[in-house]
N, C-alpha and C. Protein backbone atom coordinates (compact mmCIF):
# COMPACT_ATOMS: atom_id res chain seq x y z
N UNK A 1 218.90 46.50 -5.03
CA UNK A 1 220.22 46.33 -4.46
C UNK A 1 220.99 47.65 -4.57
N UNK A 2 221.74 47.96 -3.53
CA UNK A 2 222.62 49.12 -3.55
C UNK A 2 223.94 48.68 -4.18
N UNK A 3 224.41 49.46 -5.16
CA UNK A 3 225.67 49.16 -5.82
C UNK A 3 226.66 50.27 -5.52
N UNK A 4 227.82 49.86 -5.04
CA UNK A 4 228.90 50.78 -4.72
C UNK A 4 230.03 50.48 -5.69
N UNK A 5 230.47 51.51 -6.42
CA UNK A 5 231.58 51.33 -7.36
C UNK A 5 232.72 52.23 -6.91
N UNK A 6 233.91 51.63 -6.78
CA UNK A 6 235.11 52.36 -6.39
C UNK A 6 236.04 52.45 -7.59
N UNK A 7 236.48 53.67 -7.88
CA UNK A 7 237.46 53.86 -8.95
C UNK A 7 238.77 54.30 -8.31
N UNK A 8 239.85 53.59 -8.68
CA UNK A 8 241.15 53.82 -8.04
C UNK A 8 242.23 54.13 -9.06
N UNK A 9 243.22 54.88 -8.60
CA UNK A 9 244.48 55.04 -9.29
C UNK A 9 245.53 54.57 -8.30
N UNK A 10 246.27 53.55 -8.68
CA UNK A 10 247.18 52.89 -7.74
C UNK A 10 246.35 52.44 -6.54
N UNK A 11 246.66 52.88 -5.34
CA UNK A 11 245.87 52.49 -4.18
C UNK A 11 244.94 53.60 -3.70
N UNK A 12 244.93 54.73 -4.40
CA UNK A 12 244.08 55.85 -4.01
C UNK A 12 242.69 55.73 -4.63
N UNK A 13 241.68 55.88 -3.81
CA UNK A 13 240.31 55.91 -4.31
C UNK A 13 240.04 57.31 -4.84
N UNK A 14 239.69 57.41 -6.12
CA UNK A 14 239.47 58.70 -6.77
C UNK A 14 237.98 59.03 -6.92
N UNK A 15 237.15 58.00 -6.98
CA UNK A 15 235.72 58.24 -7.18
C UNK A 15 234.93 57.10 -6.54
N UNK A 16 233.83 57.48 -5.91
CA UNK A 16 232.91 56.51 -5.32
C UNK A 16 231.53 56.81 -5.88
N UNK A 17 230.89 55.81 -6.43
CA UNK A 17 229.52 55.96 -6.95
C UNK A 17 228.63 54.97 -6.22
N UNK A 18 227.53 55.46 -5.69
CA UNK A 18 226.58 54.62 -4.96
C UNK A 18 225.21 54.85 -5.58
N UNK A 19 224.55 53.76 -5.94
CA UNK A 19 223.23 53.90 -6.56
C UNK A 19 222.31 52.77 -6.15
N UNK A 20 221.03 53.05 -6.24
CA UNK A 20 220.01 52.04 -6.00
C UNK A 20 219.45 52.07 -4.59
N UNK A 21 218.50 51.19 -4.39
CA UNK A 21 217.88 50.98 -3.08
C UNK A 21 218.03 49.51 -2.72
N UNK A 22 218.19 49.24 -1.47
CA UNK A 22 218.49 47.86 -1.07
C UNK A 22 217.31 46.91 -1.26
N UNK A 23 216.11 47.40 -1.00
CA UNK A 23 214.95 46.52 -1.06
C UNK A 23 214.83 45.62 0.16
N UNK A 24 215.59 45.93 1.19
CA UNK A 24 215.55 45.12 2.41
C UNK A 24 214.19 45.23 3.09
N UNK A 25 213.67 46.44 3.17
CA UNK A 25 212.35 46.70 3.74
C UNK A 25 211.70 47.83 2.96
N UNK A 26 210.50 48.21 3.36
CA UNK A 26 209.81 49.31 2.71
C UNK A 26 210.60 50.59 2.86
N UNK A 27 210.41 51.48 1.90
CA UNK A 27 211.03 52.80 1.98
C UNK A 27 210.59 53.47 3.28
N UNK A 28 211.54 54.07 3.97
CA UNK A 28 211.26 54.70 5.25
C UNK A 28 211.54 53.80 6.44
N UNK A 29 211.64 52.48 6.19
CA UNK A 29 211.93 51.51 7.26
C UNK A 29 213.15 50.67 6.94
N UNK A 30 213.85 51.01 5.87
CA UNK A 30 214.93 50.18 5.36
C UNK A 30 216.24 50.51 6.08
N UNK A 31 216.67 49.61 6.96
CA UNK A 31 217.88 49.87 7.75
C UNK A 31 219.15 49.82 6.91
N UNK A 32 219.14 49.08 5.81
CA UNK A 32 220.32 49.02 4.96
C UNK A 32 220.51 50.35 4.24
N UNK A 33 219.45 50.86 3.63
CA UNK A 33 219.52 52.17 2.96
C UNK A 33 219.87 53.27 3.95
N UNK A 34 219.25 53.23 5.11
CA UNK A 34 219.53 54.25 6.13
C UNK A 34 220.98 54.18 6.59
N UNK A 35 221.51 52.99 6.73
CA UNK A 35 222.91 52.83 7.15
C UNK A 35 223.87 53.37 6.10
N UNK A 36 223.64 53.02 4.86
CA UNK A 36 224.50 53.51 3.77
C UNK A 36 224.44 55.03 3.71
N UNK A 37 223.26 55.58 3.76
CA UNK A 37 223.11 57.04 3.71
C UNK A 37 223.83 57.70 4.87
N UNK A 38 223.64 57.19 6.05
CA UNK A 38 224.26 57.77 7.24
C UNK A 38 225.78 57.72 7.17
N UNK A 39 226.32 56.58 6.79
CA UNK A 39 227.77 56.42 6.68
C UNK A 39 228.34 57.40 5.66
N UNK A 40 227.71 57.47 4.51
CA UNK A 40 228.26 58.27 3.41
C UNK A 40 228.11 59.77 3.65
N UNK A 41 226.95 60.20 4.07
CA UNK A 41 226.72 61.63 4.28
C UNK A 41 227.55 62.14 5.46
N UNK A 42 227.70 61.35 6.50
CA UNK A 42 228.56 61.74 7.61
C UNK A 42 230.00 61.92 7.14
N UNK A 43 230.48 61.01 6.31
CA UNK A 43 231.84 61.11 5.78
C UNK A 43 231.99 62.33 4.88
N UNK A 44 231.06 62.54 3.98
CA UNK A 44 231.11 63.71 3.09
C UNK A 44 231.12 65.00 3.90
N UNK A 45 230.24 65.10 4.88
CA UNK A 45 230.19 66.30 5.70
C UNK A 45 231.49 66.53 6.48
N UNK A 46 232.09 65.47 7.00
CA UNK A 46 233.35 65.60 7.73
C UNK A 46 234.46 66.10 6.80
N UNK A 47 234.53 65.56 5.61
CA UNK A 47 235.56 65.99 4.66
C UNK A 47 235.37 67.45 4.29
N UNK A 48 234.14 67.85 4.03
CA UNK A 48 233.87 69.24 3.67
C UNK A 48 234.27 70.19 4.80
N UNK A 49 234.04 69.79 6.04
CA UNK A 49 234.44 70.63 7.18
C UNK A 49 235.95 70.76 7.28
N UNK A 50 236.66 69.72 6.90
CA UNK A 50 238.13 69.75 6.95
C UNK A 50 238.69 70.57 5.79
N UNK A 51 238.17 70.32 4.58
CA UNK A 51 238.66 71.01 3.39
C UNK A 51 237.56 70.98 2.34
N UNK A 52 236.90 72.10 2.16
CA UNK A 52 235.75 72.16 1.25
C UNK A 52 236.13 71.94 -0.20
N UNK A 53 237.41 71.99 -0.52
CA UNK A 53 237.86 71.76 -1.89
C UNK A 53 238.41 70.35 -2.12
N UNK A 54 238.35 69.50 -1.11
CA UNK A 54 238.92 68.16 -1.22
C UNK A 54 238.07 67.21 -2.06
N UNK A 55 236.76 67.46 -2.11
CA UNK A 55 235.87 66.58 -2.86
C UNK A 55 234.83 67.39 -3.62
N UNK A 56 234.30 66.79 -4.65
CA UNK A 56 233.07 67.22 -5.31
C UNK A 56 232.10 66.08 -5.09
N UNK A 57 230.84 66.40 -4.84
CA UNK A 57 229.87 65.32 -4.68
C UNK A 57 228.53 65.73 -5.29
N UNK A 58 227.76 64.73 -5.65
CA UNK A 58 226.42 64.93 -6.20
C UNK A 58 225.51 63.92 -5.49
N UNK A 59 224.45 64.43 -4.93
CA UNK A 59 223.51 63.58 -4.19
C UNK A 59 222.11 63.78 -4.73
N UNK A 60 221.47 62.69 -5.05
CA UNK A 60 220.07 62.68 -5.48
C UNK A 60 219.42 61.47 -4.82
N UNK A 61 218.14 61.36 -4.93
CA UNK A 61 217.41 60.21 -4.38
C UNK A 61 217.99 58.92 -4.94
N UNK A 62 218.58 58.11 -4.06
CA UNK A 62 219.11 56.81 -4.46
C UNK A 62 220.43 56.87 -5.21
N UNK A 63 221.14 58.01 -5.12
CA UNK A 63 222.36 58.16 -5.91
C UNK A 63 223.32 59.12 -5.21
N UNK A 64 224.59 58.74 -5.12
CA UNK A 64 225.63 59.61 -4.58
C UNK A 64 226.92 59.33 -5.33
N UNK A 65 227.57 60.40 -5.78
CA UNK A 65 228.93 60.26 -6.31
C UNK A 65 229.83 61.20 -5.52
N UNK A 66 231.02 60.71 -5.25
CA UNK A 66 232.03 61.50 -4.55
C UNK A 66 233.31 61.42 -5.37
N UNK A 67 233.76 62.57 -5.86
CA UNK A 67 235.03 62.67 -6.56
C UNK A 67 236.06 63.23 -5.58
N UNK A 68 237.10 62.46 -5.30
CA UNK A 68 238.13 62.90 -4.38
C UNK A 68 239.17 63.67 -5.18
N UNK A 69 239.29 64.96 -4.88
CA UNK A 69 240.21 65.83 -5.61
C UNK A 69 241.54 66.01 -4.91
N UNK A 70 241.56 65.83 -3.58
CA UNK A 70 242.79 65.97 -2.81
C UNK A 70 242.95 64.75 -1.91
N UNK A 71 244.15 64.22 -1.91
CA UNK A 71 244.46 63.10 -1.02
C UNK A 71 245.41 63.59 0.07
N UNK A 72 244.90 63.62 1.28
CA UNK A 72 245.72 63.90 2.45
C UNK A 72 245.55 62.72 3.39
N UNK A 73 246.35 62.65 4.39
CA UNK A 73 246.24 61.54 5.34
C UNK A 73 244.85 61.49 5.95
N UNK A 74 244.35 62.62 6.40
CA UNK A 74 243.03 62.66 7.07
C UNK A 74 241.91 62.32 6.09
N UNK A 75 241.93 62.92 4.91
CA UNK A 75 240.89 62.64 3.90
C UNK A 75 240.89 61.15 3.56
N UNK A 76 242.07 60.59 3.31
CA UNK A 76 242.15 59.17 2.95
C UNK A 76 241.70 58.26 4.08
N UNK A 77 241.98 58.63 5.32
CA UNK A 77 241.50 57.83 6.46
C UNK A 77 239.98 57.87 6.53
N UNK A 78 239.38 59.03 6.33
CA UNK A 78 237.92 59.13 6.35
C UNK A 78 237.29 58.31 5.23
N UNK A 79 237.85 58.39 4.04
CA UNK A 79 237.34 57.60 2.91
C UNK A 79 237.50 56.11 3.18
N UNK A 80 238.65 55.71 3.68
CA UNK A 80 238.89 54.29 3.97
C UNK A 80 237.93 53.79 5.05
N UNK A 81 237.69 54.60 6.05
CA UNK A 81 236.74 54.24 7.10
C UNK A 81 235.34 54.03 6.52
N UNK A 82 234.92 54.93 5.64
CA UNK A 82 233.62 54.80 4.99
C UNK A 82 233.54 53.48 4.21
N UNK A 83 234.57 53.18 3.45
CA UNK A 83 234.58 51.96 2.64
C UNK A 83 234.55 50.72 3.53
N UNK A 84 235.32 50.72 4.61
CA UNK A 84 235.32 49.58 5.53
C UNK A 84 233.94 49.37 6.16
N UNK A 85 233.27 50.45 6.52
CA UNK A 85 231.91 50.31 7.07
C UNK A 85 230.94 49.75 6.03
N UNK A 86 231.09 50.19 4.78
CA UNK A 86 230.24 49.65 3.71
C UNK A 86 230.52 48.17 3.48
N UNK A 87 231.79 47.77 3.57
CA UNK A 87 232.13 46.34 3.44
C UNK A 87 231.51 45.52 4.58
N UNK A 88 231.48 46.07 5.78
CA UNK A 88 230.83 45.38 6.89
C UNK A 88 229.34 45.18 6.62
N UNK A 89 228.70 46.21 6.07
CA UNK A 89 227.28 46.06 5.70
C UNK A 89 227.10 45.00 4.62
N UNK A 90 228.00 45.02 3.63
CA UNK A 90 227.92 44.03 2.56
C UNK A 90 228.04 42.62 3.13
N UNK A 91 228.91 42.45 4.10
CA UNK A 91 229.09 41.13 4.71
C UNK A 91 227.81 40.67 5.41
N UNK A 92 227.14 41.59 6.09
CA UNK A 92 225.92 41.25 6.84
C UNK A 92 224.67 41.19 5.97
N UNK A 93 224.67 41.91 4.85
CA UNK A 93 223.47 42.02 3.99
C UNK A 93 223.85 41.79 2.53
N UNK A 94 224.44 40.63 2.26
CA UNK A 94 224.96 40.30 0.94
C UNK A 94 223.96 40.45 -0.20
N UNK A 95 222.71 40.22 0.06
CA UNK A 95 221.69 40.29 -0.99
C UNK A 95 221.18 41.72 -1.23
N UNK A 96 221.70 42.67 -0.50
CA UNK A 96 221.15 44.02 -0.54
C UNK A 96 222.16 45.11 -0.86
N UNK A 97 223.45 44.81 -0.78
CA UNK A 97 224.50 45.77 -1.11
C UNK A 97 225.68 45.03 -1.72
N UNK A 98 226.24 45.60 -2.80
CA UNK A 98 227.36 44.98 -3.51
C UNK A 98 228.39 46.06 -3.79
N UNK A 99 229.65 45.76 -3.44
CA UNK A 99 230.75 46.70 -3.68
C UNK A 99 231.62 46.15 -4.79
N UNK A 100 231.91 47.00 -5.77
CA UNK A 100 232.72 46.63 -6.92
C UNK A 100 233.94 47.54 -6.97
N UNK A 101 235.13 46.94 -6.93
CA UNK A 101 236.37 47.73 -6.98
C UNK A 101 236.93 47.74 -8.38
């Protein structure tokens, strides 16, 4: 199962930790893992293009952490969009992804 942990201060998301593999299908054919990876890496790359100092991130096989260092309207919209997409996946694949706030 993929586990997503959100750490917040007030309503601002300060840290996102994603770990594990969904187990939906074999590695290389797993649409849940591929979706999570695509959503998250696209968001990280967009934020870095806007402001390379806005986040710190660490990516390894089956693991991603994103520390949000700057909150701007655009950065927060991108993060919120990422979280909403992950919630949609959780709704469709409840046994394979879990989000904890």
